[in-house]
Structures are given as C-alpha cells and as structure tokens.
Protein backbone atom coordinates (compact mmCIF):
# COMPACT_ATOMS: atom_id res chain seq x y z
CA UNK A 1 167.15 12.48 87.93
CA UNK A 2 164.48 10.98 86.30
CA UNK A 3 164.47 7.34 84.99
CA UNK A 4 163.02 5.55 82.49
CA UNK A 5 162.76 2.25 80.92
CA UNK A 6 161.57 -0.06 77.91
CA UNK A 7 160.02 -3.28 78.19
CA UNK A 8 162.48 -4.29 75.43
CA UNK A 9 165.45 -1.98 74.57
CA UNK A 10 165.76 -2.55 70.88
CA UNK A 11 162.60 -3.04 70.12
CA UNK A 12 160.47 -0.34 67.73
CA UNK A 13 157.42 -0.68 69.60
CA UNK A 14 159.09 1.51 72.19
CA UNK A 15 161.74 3.84 70.47
CA UNK A 16 159.81 6.90 71.03
CA UNK A 17 160.45 7.07 75.03
CA UNK A 18 164.23 6.19 74.42
CA UNK A 19 164.10 8.29 71.49
CA UNK A 20 162.62 11.43 73.55
CA UNK A 21 165.26 11.47 76.16
CA UNK A 22 168.24 10.59 73.83
CA UNK A 23 167.22 13.55 70.86
CA UNK A 24 166.81 15.30 74.27
CA UNK A 25 163.16 16.08 74.36
CA UNK A 26 163.27 15.51 78.06
CA UNK A 27 166.09 17.94 78.77
CA UNK A 28 163.81 20.61 76.29
CA UNK A 29 161.38 20.04 78.86
CA UNK A 30 163.54 20.72 81.77
CA UNK A 31 163.17 17.19 83.18
CA UNK A 32 166.84 15.47 83.70
CA UNK A 33 166.22 11.96 82.67
CA UNK A 34 168.18 8.94 81.60
CA UNK A 35 167.43 5.38 79.55
CA UNK A 36 168.29 2.51 81.77
CA UNK A 37 170.29 0.26 79.56
CA UNK A 38 167.93 -2.92 81.18
CA UNK A 39 165.43 -5.38 79.95
CA UNK A 40 162.52 -3.56 81.85
CA UNK A 41 160.24 -6.46 81.30
CA UNK A 42 161.91 -8.36 83.54
CA UNK A 43 161.08 -5.97 86.30
CA UNK A 44 160.10 -2.77 84.74
CA UNK A 45 156.60 -2.15 86.78
CA UNK A 46 158.08 -3.41 90.07
CA UNK A 47 160.72 -0.97 89.96
CA UNK A 48 157.98 1.46 88.90
CA UNK A 49 156.29 1.14 92.39
CA UNK A 50 159.08 0.67 94.44
CA UNK A 51 160.70 4.04 92.44
CA UNK A 52 163.50 3.10 91.13
CA UNK A 53 162.17 3.82 88.01
CA UNK A 54 159.78 7.21 87.21
CA UNK A 55 158.75 6.15 83.51
CA UNK A 56 158.13 2.80 81.75
CA UNK A 57 157.70 2.07 78.10
CA UNK A 58 155.87 -0.91 77.25
CA UNK A 59 152.50 -1.93 77.00
CA UNK A 60 149.61 -0.29 78.05
CA UNK A 61 148.60 -3.22 80.68
CA UNK A 62 152.05 -3.99 81.64
CA UNK A 63 151.70 -1.74 85.42
CA UNK A 64 149.02 -4.41 85.83
CA UNK A 65 151.61 -6.74 87.12
CA UNK A 66 152.40 -4.62 90.49
CA UNK A 67 149.54 -2.38 90.67
CA UNK A 68 146.87 -4.74 91.47
CA UNK A 69 143.54 -3.11 90.23
CA UNK A 70 145.43 -0.42 88.23
CA UNK A 71 146.05 1.03 91.52
CA UNK A 72 148.94 3.76 91.42
CA UNK A 73 149.57 3.37 87.81
CA UNK A 74 148.45 6.14 85.27
CA UNK A 75 148.47 6.00 81.58
CA UNK A 76 150.67 9.23 80.37
CA UNK A 77 149.96 8.77 76.39
CA UNK A 78 150.56 6.31 73.53
CA UNK A 79 153.51 5.89 71.88
CA UNK A 80 152.25 4.43 68.81
CA UNK A 81 148.96 2.94 67.93
CA UNK A 82 147.75 -0.46 67.99
CA UNK A 83 148.93 -3.89 68.79
CA UNK A 84 151.82 -4.06 67.56
CA UNK A 85 153.02 -8.09 67.17
CA UNK A 86 153.63 -10.23 65.02
CA UNK A 87 153.08 -13.81 64.22
CA UNK A 88 156.41 -15.13 61.89
CA UNK A 89 156.80 -18.45 60.51
CA UNK A 90 159.69 -20.51 58.71
CA UNK A 91 159.97 -18.83 54.75
CA UNK A 92 160.02 -21.89 53.32
CA UNK A 93 156.19 -22.82 54.83
CA UNK A 94 153.26 -22.74 52.02
CA UNK A 95 150.98 -20.32 54.13
CA UNK A 96 149.38 -17.52 52.60
CA UNK A 97 149.70 -14.31 54.60
CA UNK A 98 146.97 -14.07 57.39
CA UNK A 99 145.60 -17.75 57.12
CA UNK A 100 144.79 -18.40 60.77
CA UNK A 101 143.99 -21.70 59.76
CA UNK A 102 147.32 -22.50 58.50
CA UNK A 103 148.38 -22.35 62.54
CA UNK A 104 146.75 -25.81 63.29
CA UNK A 105 150.00 -27.83 63.67
CA UNK A 106 152.36 -25.66 64.34
CA UNK A 107 154.76 -24.92 66.98
CA UNK A 108 155.26 -21.18 68.00
CA UNK A 109 157.57 -19.69 69.79
CA UNK A 110 157.02 -17.22 72.52
CA UNK A 111 158.01 -15.35 75.17
CA UNK A 112 156.83 -16.92 78.93
CA UNK A 113 155.31 -13.52 80.14
CA UNK A 114 152.93 -10.77 78.45
CA UNK A 115 153.88 -11.73 74.76
CA UNK A 116 152.88 -15.39 75.14
CA UNK A 117 148.96 -14.15 76.71
CA UNK A 118 148.89 -12.50 73.47
CA UNK A 119 149.05 -15.25 71.70
CA UNK A 120 147.48 -17.63 74.13
CA UNK A 121 143.80 -15.06 73.36
CA UNK A 122 144.60 -14.50 69.59
CA UNK A 123 144.56 -18.31 69.63
CA UNK A 124 141.65 -18.38 71.47
CA UNK A 125 140.20 -15.62 69.82
CA UNK A 126 140.71 -17.37 66.27
CA UNK A 127 139.38 -20.62 67.64
CA UNK A 128 141.89 -22.53 67.95
CA UNK A 129 141.92 -25.26 70.55
CA UNK A 130 145.45 -26.02 71.14
CA UNK A 131 145.18 -29.20 72.54
CA UNK A 132 143.11 -30.21 69.29
CA UNK A 133 144.37 -28.41 66.58
CA UNK A 134 148.22 -29.75 67.40
CA UNK A 135 149.27 -26.01 68.33
CA UNK A 136 152.04 -26.51 70.27
CA UNK A 137 153.58 -23.43 72.19
CA UNK A 138 157.05 -23.53 73.29
CA UNK A 139 159.62 -21.31 75.04
CA UNK A 140 161.85 -18.83 73.30
CA UNK A 141 165.34 -20.32 73.75
CA UNK A 142 167.31 -18.69 76.92
CA UNK A 143 170.11 -16.20 76.03
CA UNK A 144 172.00 -14.27 79.15
CA UNK A 145 173.24 -11.94 77.23
CA UNK A 146 169.88 -9.70 77.19
CA UNK A 147 171.22 -7.55 74.54
CA UNK A 148 170.47 -10.39 72.19
CA UNK A 149 167.54 -11.07 72.44
CA UNK A 150 165.99 -9.71 69.35
CA UNK A 151 168.05 -12.58 67.55
CA UNK A 152 165.77 -15.42 69.92
CA UNK A 153 162.49 -15.89 67.27
CA UNK A 154 165.15 -17.01 65.28
CA UNK A 155 167.13 -19.02 67.10
CA UNK A 156 164.32 -21.18 67.32
CA UNK A 157 163.87 -21.88 63.51
CA UNK A 158 167.29 -22.45 63.54
CA UNK A 159 167.36 -25.13 66.24
CA UNK A 160 164.28 -26.44 65.11
CA UNK A 161 162.19 -26.33 68.17
CA UNK A 162 159.24 -24.01 66.15
CA UNK A 163 158.08 -23.35 62.85
CA UNK A 164 157.07 -19.90 63.72
CA UNK A 165 157.50 -16.95 66.38
CA UNK A 166 155.59 -14.39 67.82
CA UNK A 167 157.03 -10.92 68.99
CA UNK A 168 157.96 -7.76 67.72
CA UNK A 169 158.56 -5.83 65.06
CA UNK A 170 162.76 -5.89 65.22
CA UNK A 171 162.64 -10.01 65.88
CA UNK A 172 160.39 -10.68 62.58
CA UNK A 173 162.56 -7.85 60.74
CA UNK A 174 166.07 -9.77 62.08
CA UNK A 175 164.31 -13.43 60.48
CA UNK A 176 163.33 -11.29 57.02
CA UNK A 177 167.13 -10.06 56.32
CA UNK A 178 168.21 -13.41 57.32
CA UNK A 179 165.67 -14.92 54.80
CA UNK A 180 164.33 -17.64 57.31
CA UNK A 181 161.36 -15.77 58.20
CA UNK A 182 157.93 -14.22 56.69
CA UNK A 183 155.42 -12.07 57.93
CA UNK A 184 152.04 -14.21 58.70
CA UNK A 185 150.55 -12.21 61.20
CA UNK A 186 151.10 -8.09 61.90
CA UNK A 187 147.92 -7.17 64.50
CA UNK A 188 148.42 -3.15 64.39
CA UNK A 189 147.66 -3.65 60.21
CA UNK A 190 144.76 -5.69 60.43
CA UNK A 191 145.87 -9.08 60.53
CA UNK A 192 144.47 -12.30 62.77
CA UNK A 193 141.31 -12.00 64.29
CA UNK A 194 138.69 -9.53 64.44
CA UNK A 195 139.33 -6.90 66.95
CA UNK A 196 143.20 -7.85 67.47
CA UNK A 197 144.44 -4.54 66.86
CA UNK A 198 143.22 -3.06 69.77
CA UNK A 199 144.38 -6.15 72.49
CA UNK A 200 147.46 -3.75 73.11
CA UNK A 201 149.20 -0.62 72.34
CA UNK A 202 152.44 0.70 73.78
CA UNK A 203 152.52 3.31 76.16
CA UNK A 204 154.52 5.62 78.40
CA UNK A 205 153.15 5.08 82.29
CA UNK A 206 154.43 5.83 85.25
CA UNK A 207 152.61 6.80 88.78
CA UNK A 208 149.59 8.62 90.24
CA UNK A 209 152.26 9.83 92.73
CA UNK A 210 154.34 11.53 90.35
CA UNK A 211 150.89 13.19 88.30
CA UNK A 212 149.54 14.86 91.55
CA UNK A 213 153.19 15.38 92.83
CA UNK A 214 155.01 16.53 89.90
CA UNK A 215 152.23 17.06 86.99
CA UNK A 216 154.41 20.10 85.04
CA UNK A 217 156.90 16.83 84.70
CA UNK A 218 154.05 14.42 83.70
CA UNK A 219 153.05 16.89 81.05
CA UNK A 220 156.72 17.80 80.09
CA UNK A 221 157.01 14.01 79.32
CA UNK A 222 154.33 13.73 77.52
CA UNK A 223 155.23 16.97 75.11
CA UNK A 224 158.56 15.37 74.97
CA UNK A 225 156.75 11.85 73.40
CA UNK A 226 155.31 14.03 70.91
CA UNK A 227 157.81 16.38 70.42
CA UNK A 228 159.65 12.60 69.18
CA UNK A 229 157.19 11.41 67.69
CA UNK A 230 156.93 14.06 65.05
CA UNK A 231 161.05 14.51 64.96
CA UNK A 232 161.64 10.54 63.64
CA UNK A 233 157.76 10.31 61.91
CA UNK A 234 159.99 13.38 59.81
CA UNK A 235 163.92 11.70 59.89
CA UNK A 236 163.88 8.41 60.76
CA UNK A 237 167.71 7.74 59.95
CA UNK A 238 167.81 10.08 63.68
CA UNK A 239 167.05 6.23 65.23
CA UNK A 240 170.41 5.20 63.72
CA UNK A 241 172.71 6.77 65.67
CA UNK A 242 170.36 5.79 68.92
CA UNK A 243 170.36 2.00 68.17
CA UNK A 244 174.05 2.34 67.57
CA UNK A 245 174.46 4.09 71.15
CA UNK A 246 172.39 1.27 72.39
CA UNK A 247 172.12 -1.92 70.55
CA UNK A 248 173.46 -4.57 68.78
CA UNK A 249 175.60 -3.36 65.62
CA UNK A 250 172.97 -6.00 63.72
CA UNK A 251 169.82 -4.52 65.12
CA UNK A 252 171.18 -0.92 65.21
CA UNK A 253 171.27 -1.81 61.04
CA UNK A 254 167.55 -1.64 60.79
CA UNK A 255 165.79 0.46 63.06
CA UNK A 256 165.61 3.51 61.09
CA UNK A 257 163.74 0.95 58.57
CA UNK A 258 161.18 0.02 61.00
CA UNK A 259 160.95 3.02 62.75
CA UNK A 260 159.68 4.30 59.08
CA UNK A 261 157.47 2.02 58.44
CA UNK A 262 155.52 2.63 61.93
CA UNK A 263 155.80 6.04 61.27
CA UNK A 264 151.95 6.50 60.23
CA UNK A 265 151.14 5.24 63.48
CA UNK A 266 153.27 7.81 65.47
CA UNK A 267 149.86 9.05 67.69
CA UNK A 268 150.06 9.98 71.85
CA UNK A 269 145.91 10.12 71.66
CA UNK A 270 144.52 7.47 74.00
CA UNK A 271 141.34 6.78 72.50
CA UNK A 272 137.97 5.08 73.88
CA UNK A 273 138.21 2.30 71.86
CA UNK A 274 142.11 1.85 72.85
CA UNK A 275 140.96 1.98 76.34
CA UNK A 276 137.64 -0.20 75.74
CA UNK A 277 140.05 -2.89 73.51
CA UNK A 278 142.93 -2.84 76.34
CA UNK A 279 140.32 -3.83 79.57
CA UNK A 280 138.30 -6.44 76.72
CA UNK A 281 142.11 -8.01 77.11
CA UNK A 282 143.03 -7.61 80.49
CA UNK A 283 139.90 -8.84 81.80
CA UNK A 284 139.56 -11.89 79.46
CA UNK A 285 143.78 -12.91 81.18
CA UNK A 286 143.09 -12.30 84.38
CA UNK A 287 144.74 -9.35 84.61
CA UNK A 288 142.13 -7.39 86.26
CA UNK A 289 138.91 -8.13 87.44
CA UNK A 290 136.87 -6.09 85.86
CA UNK A 291 136.60 -3.36 83.08
CA UNK A 292 137.87 0.34 84.40
CA UNK A 293 136.76 3.51 83.83
CA UNK A 294 138.67 5.50 81.56
CA UNK A 295 140.28 7.99 83.94
CA UNK A 296 141.67 5.38 86.16
CA UNK A 297 143.25 3.99 83.70
CA UNK A 298 144.40 6.92 81.80
CA UNK A 299 145.79 11.00 82.83
CA UNK A 300 143.01 12.21 80.61
CA UNK A 301 144.08 15.75 82.40
CA UNK A 302 147.04 15.22 79.44
CA UNK A 303 144.61 15.23 76.78
CA UNK A 304 145.15 18.12 75.29
CA UNK A 305 148.76 17.75 75.09
CA UNK A 306 148.56 14.91 72.72
CA UNK A 307 148.00 16.25 69.49
CA UNK A 308 150.47 19.86 70.12
C-alpha cells in the first residue's frame, strides 16, 4: 500500500492529489494507494523521509524541512500552476483590492509554519517594514480539531485578534460565504509584488529512493495526477462526494466551486521559471543555502507525462 498525505486536507490547493486517489486514477495505474486523513503540514516531510508515507502533496519547497539541501527528495509534477496564497481582509475595510500600502497598520493572522514565511517574504518584497509600518503578524487561533482548521482565519476576525488573514482558498471562501472577509491579494492571478506568483506552487513530492527503485510507480503517480486534473476541470462536481467523505460539511459544500475556479491552472508541468521562483524564495528565506539545478529538484525523466 502506498500512502499519500497532503499538507491541508480541505485546501483546494492540494485537492488534485487527493482526487487522484479517491477517483481511482492511482488504481487505474496499478498502484494500491490511500489518502491519509491527516494534517500533513504538521509532519508530512518528516514522515516522507522516514518512509511512513510515499507521496506528499503540498508546497513545492515543503520537503526542505526534512531533506536538507533537497538531498533525497524529488518533485514529480505540479498539482497546479503558481502561488495559491490569498490575503483576506475584513469585509468592512474600505481598501482597494491589491493595494499593498493598505496593509500598513493591520494585524494579519497566519499559520506559524511555511505560510508565515510566505507572508513575511511578500511584505518585505512590498517594501513594508513591520515595525516602521506598524504591521503585526499574529498567530491563528488554536483549534484542537484538525478538521476545523479551515475556519481559523474567520475565527481570527471574529475574536478581533486580526484585521486580515493569510491562507489558502478554502479559508478565503469561508470568510466570503459568511460575509466577514473579502479577497485583497490573490497571488496566482497577479496581485502582490512583481514575481509573487512564482513564490510557490503546489506539487507532488516523493523520494529519490522511490524514483530509483520503483520508477513505474512514480510514473503512474504522475499519470494519475494528470488524469485527475483533466477530470476535475471537465466536471468540478466530482469533488463534492470526495469532500463529503473527507471534510467538514461546510467545507465540502464549497469545494466544487473552488475547483472550478482553479481549473484553468491545472497543468502538471514544472517550468524552469517555476523552479527559478522556488530557488529565489527558498534561498531568500533560508530553506536552501544556494539555488539548485532544475534536475536536482525535479524528476525530469517524467516530464513527457505531464502533458499526456
């Protein structure tokens, strides 16, 4: 049995990986696989290194946490293109979407892990100094129920510990549905400082060991992802039954619309521009000590499968 874990189960950012298993595309490739109902952002890279899981759906640079210098990890394909982070602000704030100067003086809530790294990088690239411009980055409210993490951004507003929150598409959608938040920055669609859409992309990561010892499994996983991308783009409603099995009802009711929104970005290709962006982001934030060649990061022997 091959095990897949994603950084955040109800996030649309990684849903293609989940769907590739749940819709039977891994099985079509002869791979007996399961999606773990786990919060992969907690220890997914470490479990991948330990061999407890075989595939990790998450930020393209996520493996740097457990594979120093990227030694032992490989990106198999993209789950979608470009950075998928959003900044939501209180719905009653009179600010124009995309106005970076409007972030001055705000309290912004973000997850303490990789998302906060991304937020700090964006603010720095935007010329915002936290102390000078009185911007506070505050932790998200704690929840002991991992299946309710999609609500923590909204909870930060409700508890008046933040004026804005930074996170994935599901967190934004919940805030919009409840009428308490609105989108301010959508990096994938061009908001933010120049080059922000190349800070990150969602990817399927595995180990060099699996690529070397079971290349047919690695190739099958790529083909399964491409099949899932095409199936979801053609019929986003396929996402709903999966969400109903794996998510809280509130999140499950939104997933098909979020998949339809993101479907134009479903492309398994990992471009040199995307790798350049990851290198710049990772080195700027201490995740890599130096930029790495494309073939060190990517299992490029499977690139012919990305467009099939």
